[in-house]
């Protein structure tokens, strides 16, 4: 879900992966890793990418490992909204 949210936001801002990486101060490989759902990422770099995209990481009590706020992630292809 995080991967889809990042990709959707980047595309909404009309940024390429390379442009995003330059703005966030990381390599394009890192942006690719985020968008492809790599399970191990450096938190500092992820936060830089999210900041450029105008997104934030919020911690709250819950039972799930990851939750993305509604409206951030578009429906998966072939899924009803």
PDB file of N, CA and C in Angstrom:
ATOM      1  N   UNK A   1       0.806  -1.190   0.000  1.00  0.00           N
ATOM      2  CA  UNK A   1       0.000   0.000   0.000  1.00  0.00           C
ATOM      3  C   UNK A   1       0.855   1.261   0.000  1.00  0.00           C
ATOM      4  N   UNK A   2       1.920   1.243   0.770  1.00  0.00           N
ATOM      5  CA  UNK A   2       2.829   2.389   0.781  1.00  0.00           C
ATOM      6  C   UNK A   2       3.404   2.620  -0.613  1.00  0.00           C
ATOM      7  N   UNK A   3       3.789   1.546  -1.262  1.00  0.00           N
ATOM      8  CA  UNK A   3       4.375   1.652  -2.603  1.00  0.00           C
ATOM      9  C   UNK A   3       3.393   2.301  -3.575  1.00  0.00           C
ATOM     10  N   UNK A   4       2.145   1.862  -3.553  1.00  0.00           N
ATOM     11  CA  UNK A   4       1.137   2.419  -4.461  1.00  0.00           C
ATOM     12  C   UNK A   4       0.847   3.877  -4.139  1.00  0.00           C
ATOM     13  N   UNK A   5       0.848   4.224  -2.839  1.00  0.00           N
ATOM     14  CA  UNK A   5       0.585   5.607  -2.439  1.00  0.00           C
ATOM     15  C   UNK A   5       1.694   6.533  -2.934  1.00  0.00           C
ATOM     16  N   UNK A   6       2.940   6.103  -2.778  1.00  0.00           N
ATOM     17  CA  UNK A   6       4.073   6.916  -3.223  1.00  0.00           C
ATOM     18  C   UNK A   6       4.043   7.085  -4.737  1.00  0.00           C
ATOM     19  N   UNK A   7       3.835   5.998  -5.445  1.00  0.00           N
ATOM     20  CA  UNK A   7       3.800   6.068  -6.915  1.00  0.00           C
ATOM     21  C   UNK A   7       2.656   6.968  -7.397  1.00  0.00           C
ATOM     22  N   UNK A   8       1.472   6.810  -6.808  1.00  0.00           N
ATOM     23  CA  UNK A   8       0.315   7.611  -7.221  1.00  0.00           C
ATOM     24  C   UNK A   8       0.569   9.097  -6.973  1.00  0.00           C
ATOM     25  N   UNK A   9       1.154   9.423  -5.829  1.00  0.00           N
ATOM     26  CA  UNK A   9       1.420  10.831  -5.508  1.00  0.00           C
ATOM     27  C   UNK A   9       2.475  11.411  -6.433  1.00  0.00           C
ATOM     28  N   UNK A  10       3.526  10.619  -6.716  1.00  0.00           N
ATOM     29  CA  UNK A  10       4.581  11.088  -7.628  1.00  0.00           C
ATOM     30  C   UNK A  10       3.987  11.382  -8.997  1.00  0.00           C
ATOM     31  N   UNK A  11       3.149  10.484  -9.476  1.00  0.00           N
ATOM     32  CA  UNK A  11       2.546  10.680 -10.797  1.00  0.00           C
ATOM     33  C   UNK A  11       1.580  11.868 -10.791  1.00  0.00           C
ATOM     34  N   UNK A  12       0.855  12.052  -9.699  1.00  0.00           N
ATOM     35  CA  UNK A  12      -0.062  13.197  -9.599  1.00  0.00           C
ATOM     36  C   UNK A  12       0.700  14.515  -9.658  1.00  0.00           C
ATOM     37  N   UNK A  13       1.918  14.510  -9.118  1.00  0.00           N
ATOM     38  CA  UNK A  13       2.763  15.704  -9.160  1.00  0.00           C
ATOM     39  C   UNK A  13       3.564  15.812 -10.460  1.00  0.00           C
ATOM     40  N   UNK A  14       3.367  14.835 -11.345  1.00  0.00           N
ATOM     41  CA  UNK A  14       4.035  14.801 -12.649  1.00  0.00           C
ATOM     42  C   UNK A  14       5.558  14.796 -12.521  1.00  0.00           C
ATOM     43  N   UNK A  15       6.044  13.985 -11.578  1.00  0.00           N
ATOM     44  CA  UNK A  15       7.484  13.833 -11.375  1.00  0.00           C
ATOM     45  C   UNK A  15       7.922  12.458 -11.874  1.00  0.00           C
ATOM     46  N   UNK A  16       9.101  12.411 -12.460  1.00  0.00           N
ATOM     47  CA  UNK A  16       9.692  11.116 -12.789  1.00  0.00           C
ATOM     48  C   UNK A  16      10.389  10.584 -11.532  1.00  0.00           C
ATOM     49  N   UNK A  17      10.743   9.319 -11.549  1.00  0.00           N
ATOM     50  CA  UNK A  17      11.489   8.752 -10.433  1.00  0.00           C
ATOM     51  C   UNK A  17      12.824   9.482 -10.264  1.00  0.00           C
ATOM     52  N   UNK A  18      13.443   9.839 -11.360  1.00  0.00           N
ATOM     53  CA  UNK A  18      14.730  10.542 -11.295  1.00  0.00           C
ATOM     54  C   UNK A  18      14.553  11.927 -10.688  1.00  0.00           C
ATOM     55  N   UNK A  19      13.525  12.660 -11.109  1.00  0.00           N
ATOM     56  CA  UNK A  19      13.280  13.984 -10.545  1.00  0.00           C
ATOM     57  C   UNK A  19      13.003  13.894  -9.044  1.00  0.00           C
ATOM     58  N   UNK A  20      12.193  12.922  -8.653  1.00  0.00           N
ATOM     59  CA  UNK A  20      11.894  12.749  -7.231  1.00  0.00           C
ATOM     60  C   UNK A  20      13.160  12.434  -6.449  1.00  0.00           C
ATOM     61  N   UNK A  21      13.984  11.569  -6.992  1.00  0.00           N
ATOM     62  CA  UNK A  21      15.212  11.207  -6.276  1.00  0.00           C
ATOM     63  C   UNK A  21      16.122  12.420  -6.108  1.00  0.00           C
ATOM     64  N   UNK A  22      16.202  13.265  -7.123  1.00  0.00           N
ATOM     65  CA  UNK A  22      17.032  14.469  -7.025  1.00  0.00           C
ATOM     66  C   UNK A  22      16.489  15.424  -5.965  1.00  0.00           C
ATOM     67  N   UNK A  23      15.187  15.613  -5.939  1.00  0.00           N
ATOM     68  CA  UNK A  23      14.573  16.505  -4.964  1.00  0.00           C
ATOM     69  C   UNK A  23      14.708  15.970  -3.536  1.00  0.00           C
ATOM     70  N   UNK A  24      14.672  14.645  -3.389  1.00  0.00           N
ATOM     71  CA  UNK A  24      14.746  14.024  -2.064  1.00  0.00           C
ATOM     72  C   UNK A  24      16.179  13.753  -1.615  1.00  0.00           C
ATOM     73  N   UNK A  25      17.136  13.931  -2.519  1.00  0.00           N
ATOM     74  CA  UNK A  25      18.532  13.698  -2.159  1.00  0.00           C
ATOM     75  C   UNK A  25      18.889  12.238  -1.997  1.00  0.00           C
ATOM     76  N   UNK A  26      18.254  11.402  -2.792  1.00  0.00           N
ATOM     77  CA  UNK A  26      18.573   9.977  -2.764  1.00  0.00           C
ATOM     78  C   UNK A  26      18.776   9.508  -4.200  1.00  0.00           C
ATOM     79  N   UNK A  27      19.126   8.271  -4.371  1.00  0.00           N
ATOM     80  CA  UNK A  27      19.321   7.745  -5.714  1.00  0.00           C
ATOM     81  C   UNK A  27      18.017   7.268  -6.326  1.00  0.00           C
ATOM     82  N   UNK A  28      17.949   7.225  -7.653  1.00  0.00           N
ATOM     83  CA  UNK A  28      16.736   6.728  -8.308  1.00  0.00           C
ATOM     84  C   UNK A  28      16.445   5.272  -7.953  1.00  0.00           C
ATOM     85  N   UNK A  29      17.479   4.508  -7.630  1.00  0.00           N
ATOM     86  CA  UNK A  29      17.251   3.116  -7.232  1.00  0.00           C
ATOM     87  C   UNK A  29      16.422   3.054  -5.954  1.00  0.00           C
ATOM     88  N   UNK A  30      16.632   4.008  -5.053  1.00  0.00           N
ATOM     89  CA  UNK A  30      15.866   4.019  -3.805  1.00  0.00           C
ATOM     90  C   UNK A  30      14.389   4.280  -4.094  1.00  0.00           C
ATOM     91  N   UNK A  31      14.104   5.241  -4.963  1.00  0.00           N
ATOM     92  CA  UNK A  31      12.708   5.534  -5.317  1.00  0.00           C
ATOM     93  C   UNK A  31      12.084   4.304  -5.958  1.00  0.00           C
ATOM     94  N   UNK A  32      12.805   3.643  -6.836  1.00  0.00           N
ATOM     95  CA  UNK A  32      12.307   2.418  -7.456  1.00  0.00           C
ATOM     96  C   UNK A  32      12.008   1.372  -6.381  1.00  0.00           C
ATOM     97  N   UNK A  33      12.908   1.221  -5.408  1.00  0.00           N
ATOM     98  CA  UNK A  33      12.702   0.245  -4.333  1.00  0.00           C
ATOM     99  C   UNK A  33      11.444   0.553  -3.529  1.00  0.00           C
ATOM    100  N   UNK A  34      11.224   1.825  -3.224  1.00  0.00           N
ATOM    101  CA  UNK A  34      10.025   2.221  -2.487  1.00  0.00           C
ATOM    102  C   UNK A  34       8.783   1.849  -3.289  1.00  0.00           C
ATOM    103  N   UNK A  35       8.769   2.232  -4.561  1.00  0.00           N
ATOM    104  CA  UNK A  35       7.590   2.019  -5.399  1.00  0.00           C
ATOM    105  C   UNK A  35       7.364   0.548  -5.752  1.00  0.00           C
ATOM    106  N   UNK A  36       8.392  -0.259  -5.631  1.00  0.00           N
ATOM    107  CA  UNK A  36       8.212  -1.685  -5.932  1.00  0.00           C
ATOM    108  C   UNK A  36       7.910  -2.489  -4.669  1.00  0.00           C
ATOM    109  N   UNK A  37       7.824  -1.801  -3.527  1.00  0.00           N
ATOM    110  CA  UNK A  37       7.411  -2.469  -2.306  1.00  0.00           C
ATOM    111  C   UNK A  37       8.511  -3.202  -1.564  1.00  0.00           C
ATOM    112  N   UNK A  38       9.748  -2.790  -1.755  1.00  0.00           N
ATOM    113  CA  UNK A  38      10.848  -3.430  -1.032  1.00  0.00           C
ATOM    114  C   UNK A  38      10.554  -3.364   0.463  1.00  0.00           C
ATOM    115  N   UNK A  39      10.777  -4.469   1.155  1.00  0.00           N
ATOM    116  CA  UNK A  39      10.378  -4.545   2.561  1.00  0.00           C
ATOM    117  C   UNK A  39      11.388  -3.952   3.526  1.00  0.00           C
ATOM    118  N   UNK A  40      12.608  -3.717   3.079  1.00  0.00           N
ATOM    119  CA  UNK A  40      13.612  -3.094   3.947  1.00  0.00           C
ATOM    120  C   UNK A  40      14.097  -1.810   3.285  1.00  0.00           C
ATOM    121  N   UNK A  41      13.849  -0.698   3.957  1.00  0.00           N
ATOM    122  CA  UNK A  41      14.228   0.618   3.439  1.00  0.00           C
ATOM    123  C   UNK A  41      14.829   1.440   4.566  1.00  0.00           C
ATOM    124  N   UNK A  42      15.706   2.367   4.222  1.00  0.00           N
ATOM    125  CA  UNK A  42      16.230   3.298   5.225  1.00  0.00           C
ATOM    126  C   UNK A  42      15.154   4.321   5.556  1.00  0.00           C
ATOM    127  N   UNK A  43      14.838   4.427   6.818  1.00  0.00           N
ATOM    128  CA  UNK A  43      13.763   5.317   7.252  1.00  0.00           C
ATOM    129  C   UNK A  43      14.072   6.776   6.936  1.00  0.00           C
ATOM    130  N   UNK A  44      15.308   7.203   7.128  1.00  0.00           N
ATOM    131  CA  UNK A  44      15.642   8.604   6.863  1.00  0.00           C
ATOM    132  C   UNK A  44      15.411   8.965   5.403  1.00  0.00           C
ATOM    133  N   UNK A  45      15.787   8.078   4.510  1.00  0.00           N
ATOM    134  CA  UNK A  45      15.579   8.344   3.078  1.00  0.00           C
ATOM    135  C   UNK A  45      14.093   8.294   2.725  1.00  0.00           C
ATOM    136  N   UNK A  46      13.370   7.350   3.315  1.00  0.00           N
ATOM    137  CA  UNK A  46      11.931   7.262   3.057  1.00  0.00           C
ATOM    138  C   UNK A  46      11.233   8.542   3.494  1.00  0.00           C
ATOM    139  N   UNK A  47      11.598   9.055   4.649  1.00  0.00           N
ATOM    140  CA  UNK A  47      10.996  10.295   5.133  1.00  0.00           C
ATOM    141  C   UNK A  47      11.311  11.467   4.213  1.00  0.00           C
ATOM    142  N   UNK A  48      12.515  11.503   3.645  1.00  0.00           N
ATOM    143  CA  UNK A  48      12.865  12.556   2.675  1.00  0.00           C
ATOM    144  C   UNK A  48      11.974  12.482   1.445  1.00  0.00           C
ATOM    145  N   UNK A  49      11.745  11.275   0.949  1.00  0.00           N
ATOM    146  CA  UNK A  49      10.883  11.077  -0.233  1.00  0.00           C
ATOM    147  C   UNK A  49       9.454  11.506   0.098  1.00  0.00           C
ATOM    148  N   UNK A  50       8.940  11.062   1.249  1.00  0.00           N
ATOM    149  CA  UNK A  50       7.575  11.419   1.634  1.00  0.00           C
ATOM    150  C   UNK A  50       7.420  12.931   1.785  1.00  0.00           C
ATOM    151  N   UNK A  51       8.422  13.585   2.335  1.00  0.00           N
ATOM    152  CA  UNK A  51       8.383  15.040   2.520  1.00  0.00           C
ATOM    153  C   UNK A  51       8.255  15.758   1.180  1.00  0.00           C
ATOM    154  N   UNK A  52       9.053  15.346   0.204  1.00  0.00           N
ATOM    155  CA  UNK A  52       8.989  15.958  -1.125  1.00  0.00           C
ATOM    156  C   UNK A  52       7.598  15.778  -1.729  1.00  0.00           C
ATOM    157  N   UNK A  53       6.987  14.633  -1.466  1.00  0.00           N
ATOM    158  CA  UNK A  53       5.670  14.339  -2.032  1.00  0.00           C
ATOM    159  C   UNK A  53       4.526  14.959  -1.238  1.00  0.00           C
ATOM    160  N   UNK A  54       4.848  15.592  -0.103  1.00  0.00           N
ATOM    161  CA  UNK A  54       3.800  16.178   0.724  1.00  0.00           C
ATOM    162  C   UNK A  54       3.027  15.129   1.503  1.00  0.00           C
ATOM    163  N   UNK A  55       3.671  14.002   1.781  1.00  0.00           N
ATOM    164  CA  UNK A  55       3.055  12.927   2.561  1.00  0.00           C
ATOM    165  C   UNK A  55       3.772  12.831   3.902  1.00  0.00           C
ATOM    166  N   UNK A  56       3.104  12.240   4.888  1.00  0.00           N
ATOM    167  CA  UNK A  56       3.744  12.068   6.178  1.00  0.00           C
ATOM    168  C   UNK A  56       3.501  10.663   6.704  1.00  0.00           C
ATOM    169  N   UNK A  57       4.412  10.220   7.523  1.00  0.00           N
ATOM    170  CA  UNK A  57       4.313   8.932   8.186  1.00  0.00           C
ATOM    171  C   UNK A  57       3.784   9.202   9.586  1.00  0.00           C
ATOM    172  N   UNK A  58       2.665   8.572   9.938  1.00  0.00           N
ATOM    173  CA  UNK A  58       2.031   8.802  11.227  1.00  0.00           C
ATOM    174  C   UNK A  58       1.953   7.489  11.980  1.00  0.00           C
ATOM    175  N   UNK A  59       2.357   7.503  13.244  1.00  0.00           N
ATOM    176  CA  UNK A  59       2.252   6.329  14.092  1.00  0.00           C
ATOM    177  C   UNK A  59       1.040   6.465  14.986  1.00  0.00           C
ATOM    178  N   UNK A  60       0.286   5.382  15.113  1.00  0.00           N
ATOM    179  CA  UNK A  60      -0.859   5.379  16.020  1.00  0.00           C
ATOM    180  C   UNK A  60      -1.063   3.963  16.530  1.00  0.00           C
ATOM    181  N   UNK A  61      -1.809   3.846  17.606  1.00  0.00           N
ATOM    182  CA  UNK A  61      -2.086   2.520  18.126  1.00  0.00           C
ATOM    183  C   UNK A  61      -2.993   1.783  17.159  1.00  0.00           C
ATOM    184  N   UNK A  62      -2.721   0.520  17.003  1.00  0.00           N
ATOM    185  CA  UNK A  62      -3.536  -0.297  16.123  1.00  0.00           C
ATOM    186  C   UNK A  62      -2.998  -1.706  16.087  1.00  0.00           C
ATOM    187  N   UNK A  63      -3.692  -2.556  15.399  1.00  0.00           N
ATOM    188  CA  UNK A  63      -3.297  -3.963  15.331  1.00  0.00           C
ATOM    189  C   UNK A  63      -2.669  -4.327  13.999  1.00  0.00           C
ATOM    190  N   UNK A  64      -2.812  -3.491  13.002  1.00  0.00           N
ATOM    191  CA  UNK A  64      -2.236  -3.776  11.697  1.00  0.00           C
ATOM    192  C   UNK A  64      -0.827  -3.218  11.596  1.00  0.00           C
ATOM    193  N   UNK A  65      -0.038  -3.802  10.734  1.00  0.00           N
ATOM    194  CA  UNK A  65       1.342  -3.348  10.560  1.00  0.00           C
ATOM    195  C   UNK A  65       1.405  -2.039   9.773  1.00  0.00           C
ATOM    196  N   UNK A  66       0.510  -1.872   8.809  1.00  0.00           N
ATOM    197  CA  UNK A  66       0.542  -0.675   7.972  1.00  0.00           C
ATOM    198  C   UNK A  66      -0.868  -0.327   7.537  1.00  0.00           C
ATOM    199  N   UNK A  67      -1.188   0.950   7.622  1.00  0.00           N
ATOM    200  CA  UNK A  67      -2.474   1.440   7.151  1.00  0.00           C
ATOM    201  C   UNK A  67      -2.219   2.754   6.442  1.00  0.00           C
ATOM    202  N   UNK A  68      -2.766   2.891   5.268  1.00  0.00           N
ATOM    203  CA  UNK A  68      -2.662   4.132   4.507  1.00  0.00           C
ATOM    204  C   UNK A  68      -4.048   4.762   4.507  1.00  0.00           C
ATOM    205  N   UNK A  69      -4.111   6.043   4.820  1.00  0.00           N
ATOM    206  CA  UNK A  69      -5.392   6.742   4.903  1.00  0.00           C
ATOM    207  C   UNK A  69      -6.175   6.606   3.606  1.00  0.00           C
ATOM    208  N   UNK A  70      -7.487   6.527   3.744  1.00  0.00           N
ATOM    209  CA  UNK A  70      -8.334   6.393   2.561  1.00  0.00           C
ATOM    210  C   UNK A  70      -8.183   7.617   1.667  1.00  0.00           C
ATOM    211  N   UNK A  71      -8.294   7.400   0.391  1.00  0.00           N
ATOM    212  CA  UNK A  71      -8.162   8.478  -0.579  1.00  0.00           C
ATOM    213  C   UNK A  71      -6.740   8.732  -1.036  1.00  0.00           C
ATOM    214  N   UNK A  72      -5.753   8.144  -0.361  1.00  0.00           N
ATOM    215  CA  UNK A  72      -4.353   8.332  -0.741  1.00  0.00           C
ATOM    216  C   UNK A  72      -3.960   7.345  -1.839  1.00  0.00           C
ATOM    217  N   UNK A  73      -4.444   6.123  -1.711  1.00  0.00           N
ATOM    218  CA  UNK A  73      -4.071   5.068  -2.658  1.00  0.00           C
ATOM    219  C   UNK A  73      -5.233   4.822  -3.600  1.00  0.00           C
ATOM    220  N   UNK A  74      -5.002   4.885  -4.897  1.00  0.00           N
ATOM    221  CA  UNK A  74      -6.064   4.567  -5.833  1.00  0.00           C
ATOM    222  C   UNK A  74      -6.390   3.074  -5.771  1.00  0.00           C
ATOM    223  N   UNK A  75      -7.607   2.671  -6.159  1.00  0.00           N
ATOM    224  CA  UNK A  75      -7.942   1.248  -6.148  1.00  0.00           C
ATOM    225  C   UNK A  75      -6.990   0.454  -7.034  1.00  0.00           C
ATOM    226  N   UNK A  76      -6.712  -0.758  -6.626  1.00  0.00           N
ATOM    227  CA  UNK A  76      -5.854  -1.631  -7.426  1.00  0.00           C
ATOM    228  C   UNK A  76      -6.535  -1.913  -8.762  1.00  0.00           C
ATOM    229  N   UNK A  77      -5.758  -2.105  -9.821  1.00  0.00           N
ATOM    230  CA  UNK A  77      -6.358  -2.404 -11.125  1.00  0.00           C
ATOM    231  C   UNK A  77      -7.275  -3.632 -11.020  1.00  0.00           C
ATOM    232  N   UNK A  78      -8.466  -3.492 -11.567  1.00  0.00           N
ATOM    233  CA  UNK A  78      -9.409  -4.602 -11.559  1.00  0.00           C
ATOM    234  C   UNK A  78     -10.239  -4.686 -10.294  1.00  0.00           C
ATOM    235  N   UNK A  79     -10.047  -3.772  -9.359  1.00  0.00           N
ATOM    236  CA  UNK A  79     -10.801  -3.763  -8.105  1.00  0.00           C
ATOM    237  C   UNK A  79     -11.800  -2.614  -8.132  1.00  0.00           C
ATOM    238  N   UNK A  80     -12.960  -2.841  -7.558  1.00  0.00           N
ATOM    239  CA  UNK A  80     -13.949  -1.785  -7.460  1.00  0.00           C
ATOM    240  C   UNK A  80     -13.539  -0.806  -6.376  1.00  0.00           C
ATOM    241  N   UNK A  81     -13.820   0.495  -6.555  1.00  0.00           N
ATOM    242  CA  UNK A  81     -13.461   1.493  -5.532  1.00  0.00           C
ATOM    243  C   UNK A  81     -14.220   1.319  -4.244  1.00  0.00           C
TER     244      UNK A  81
END
